[in-house]
N, C-alpha and C. Protein backbone atom coordinates (compact mmCIF):
# COMPACT_ATOMS: atom_id res chain seq x y z
N UNK A 1 0.82 -1.20 0.00
CA UNK A 1 0.00 0.00 0.00
C UNK A 1 0.86 1.25 0.00
N UNK A 2 2.06 1.17 0.59
CA UNK A 2 2.95 2.32 0.61
C UNK A 2 3.36 2.73 -0.79
N UNK A 3 3.51 1.75 -1.67
CA UNK A 3 3.89 2.06 -3.05
C UNK A 3 2.80 2.86 -3.74
N UNK A 4 1.55 2.58 -3.42
CA UNK A 4 0.43 3.31 -4.02
C UNK A 4 0.47 4.77 -3.60
N UNK A 5 0.82 5.02 -2.36
CA UNK A 5 0.88 6.39 -1.85
C UNK A 5 1.99 7.19 -2.53
N UNK A 6 3.02 6.51 -3.02
CA UNK A 6 4.15 7.19 -3.65
C UNK A 6 3.86 7.58 -5.10
N UNK A 7 2.77 7.09 -5.64
CA UNK A 7 2.42 7.42 -7.03
C UNK A 7 1.88 8.83 -7.11
N UNK A 8 2.03 9.40 -8.29
CA UNK A 8 1.46 10.73 -8.51
C UNK A 8 -0.05 10.60 -8.63
N UNK A 9 -0.74 11.70 -8.55
CA UNK A 9 -2.21 11.69 -8.67
C UNK A 9 -2.63 11.15 -10.03
N UNK A 10 -1.90 11.50 -11.07
CA UNK A 10 -2.20 11.02 -12.42
C UNK A 10 -2.05 9.52 -12.54
N UNK A 11 -1.00 8.99 -11.93
CA UNK A 11 -0.77 7.54 -11.96
C UNK A 11 -1.86 6.81 -11.19
N UNK A 12 -2.27 7.37 -10.05
CA UNK A 12 -3.35 6.75 -9.28
C UNK A 12 -4.65 6.75 -10.06
N UNK A 13 -4.91 7.84 -10.78
CA UNK A 13 -6.12 7.94 -11.61
C UNK A 13 -6.09 6.89 -12.71
N UNK A 14 -4.95 6.71 -13.36
CA UNK A 14 -4.83 5.71 -14.42
C UNK A 14 -5.06 4.30 -13.90
N UNK A 15 -4.49 3.99 -12.74
CA UNK A 15 -4.68 2.66 -12.15
C UNK A 15 -6.14 2.45 -11.81
N UNK A 16 -6.77 3.46 -11.23
CA UNK A 16 -8.18 3.36 -10.87
C UNK A 16 -9.04 3.13 -12.12
N UNK A 17 -8.74 3.85 -13.19
CA UNK A 17 -9.50 3.70 -14.44
C UNK A 17 -9.32 2.30 -15.02
N UNK A 18 -8.11 1.78 -14.99
CA UNK A 18 -7.85 0.44 -15.51
C UNK A 18 -8.58 -0.62 -14.71
N UNK A 19 -8.61 -0.47 -13.40
CA UNK A 19 -9.31 -1.44 -12.55
C UNK A 19 -10.80 -1.40 -12.83
N UNK A 20 -11.35 -0.21 -13.06
CA UNK A 20 -12.78 -0.09 -13.37
C UNK A 20 -13.09 -0.74 -14.70
N UNK A 21 -12.22 -0.56 -15.70
CA UNK A 21 -12.42 -1.18 -17.01
C UNK A 21 -12.38 -2.69 -16.89
N UNK A 22 -11.43 -3.21 -16.12
CA UNK A 22 -11.32 -4.66 -15.95
C UNK A 22 -12.58 -5.22 -15.28
N UNK A 23 -13.07 -4.54 -14.27
CA UNK A 23 -14.29 -4.97 -13.59
C UNK A 23 -15.47 -4.92 -14.53
N UNK A 24 -15.55 -3.87 -15.33
CA UNK A 24 -16.65 -3.72 -16.29
C UNK A 24 -16.60 -4.83 -17.33
N UNK A 25 -15.41 -5.15 -17.81
CA UNK A 25 -15.28 -6.23 -18.80
C UNK A 25 -15.74 -7.56 -18.23
N UNK A 26 -15.40 -7.83 -16.97
CA UNK A 26 -15.84 -9.08 -16.33
C UNK A 26 -17.35 -9.10 -16.20
N UNK A 27 -17.94 -7.96 -15.82
CA UNK A 27 -19.40 -7.89 -15.68
C UNK A 27 -20.09 -8.13 -17.01
N UNK A 28 -19.56 -7.54 -18.06
CA UNK A 28 -20.14 -7.72 -19.40
C UNK A 28 -20.02 -9.17 -19.84
N UNK A 29 -18.88 -9.79 -19.57
CA UNK A 29 -18.68 -11.19 -19.95
C UNK A 29 -19.67 -12.09 -19.22
N UNK A 30 -19.93 -11.80 -17.95
CA UNK A 30 -20.89 -12.61 -17.19
C UNK A 30 -22.31 -12.42 -17.73
N UNK A 31 -22.64 -11.19 -18.08
CA UNK A 31 -23.98 -10.92 -18.62
C UNK A 31 -24.15 -11.63 -19.96
N UNK A 32 -23.15 -11.53 -20.82
CA UNK A 32 -23.25 -12.18 -22.13
C UNK A 32 -23.32 -13.69 -22.00
N UNK A 33 -22.54 -14.26 -21.11
CA UNK A 33 -22.56 -15.71 -20.91
C UNK A 33 -23.93 -16.14 -20.40
N UNK A 34 -24.46 -15.40 -19.45
CA UNK A 34 -25.77 -15.74 -18.90
C UNK A 34 -26.87 -15.59 -19.93
N UNK A 35 -26.80 -14.54 -20.74
CA UNK A 35 -27.86 -14.33 -21.73
C UNK A 35 -27.81 -15.40 -22.81
N UNK A 36 -26.63 -15.91 -23.11
CA UNK A 36 -26.53 -16.97 -24.11
C UNK A 36 -27.30 -18.20 -23.66
N UNK A 37 -27.08 -18.60 -22.41
CA UNK A 37 -27.76 -19.78 -21.90
C UNK A 37 -29.25 -19.53 -21.72
N UNK A 38 -29.61 -18.32 -21.34
CA UNK A 38 -31.02 -17.98 -21.19
C UNK A 38 -31.73 -18.06 -22.54
N UNK A 39 -31.13 -17.46 -23.57
CA UNK A 39 -31.74 -17.49 -24.91
C UNK A 39 -31.81 -18.91 -25.46
N UNK A 40 -30.76 -19.69 -25.19
CA UNK A 40 -30.75 -21.07 -25.66
C UNK A 40 -31.86 -21.87 -24.98
N UNK A 41 -32.07 -21.64 -23.70
CA UNK A 41 -33.14 -22.37 -23.01
C UNK A 41 -34.50 -21.94 -23.52
N UNK A 42 -34.67 -20.65 -23.87
CA UNK A 42 -35.93 -20.21 -24.47
C UNK A 42 -36.16 -20.88 -25.81
N UNK A 43 -35.10 -21.02 -26.59
CA UNK A 43 -35.20 -21.67 -27.89
C UNK A 43 -35.70 -23.10 -27.73
N UNK A 44 -35.04 -23.85 -26.84
CA UNK A 44 -35.43 -25.25 -26.67
C UNK A 44 -36.82 -25.37 -26.06
N UNK A 45 -37.18 -24.45 -25.19
CA UNK A 45 -38.51 -24.50 -24.58
C UNK A 45 -39.59 -24.20 -25.61
N UNK A 46 -39.26 -23.45 -26.66
CA UNK A 46 -40.25 -23.09 -27.67
C UNK A 46 -40.43 -24.18 -28.74
N UNK A 47 -39.55 -25.17 -28.74
CA UNK A 47 -39.65 -26.23 -29.74
C UNK A 47 -40.79 -27.19 -29.38
N UNK A 48 -41.50 -27.68 -30.41
CA UNK A 48 -42.58 -28.63 -30.12
C UNK A 48 -42.01 -29.91 -29.51
N UNK A 49 -42.75 -30.42 -28.56
CA UNK A 49 -42.30 -31.65 -27.90
C UNK A 49 -42.57 -32.84 -28.81
N UNK A 50 -41.61 -33.74 -28.86
CA UNK A 50 -41.79 -34.94 -29.65
C UNK A 50 -42.09 -36.11 -28.73
N UNK A 51 -43.08 -36.90 -29.11
CA UNK A 51 -43.43 -38.06 -28.30
C UNK A 51 -42.29 -39.07 -28.37
N UNK A 52 -42.01 -39.69 -27.25
CA UNK A 52 -40.95 -40.70 -27.22
C UNK A 52 -41.40 -41.91 -28.03
N UNK A 53 -40.51 -42.41 -28.85
CA UNK A 53 -40.82 -43.60 -29.66
C UNK A 53 -40.57 -44.84 -28.80
N UNK A 54 -41.59 -45.68 -28.73
CA UNK A 54 -41.43 -46.89 -27.91
C UNK A 54 -41.63 -48.12 -28.76
């Protein structure tokens, strides 16, 4: 933590911005992954059911 205090205000701002971007990218990736599976489940749920052949 002492190293962080030794940084200039500009450097601290850049680090903060990069951390926010990284967090945002992870959030977007989770949303996209979740929406893929949600849409896929809607697709399969909308398909007509086929009777099992016996």
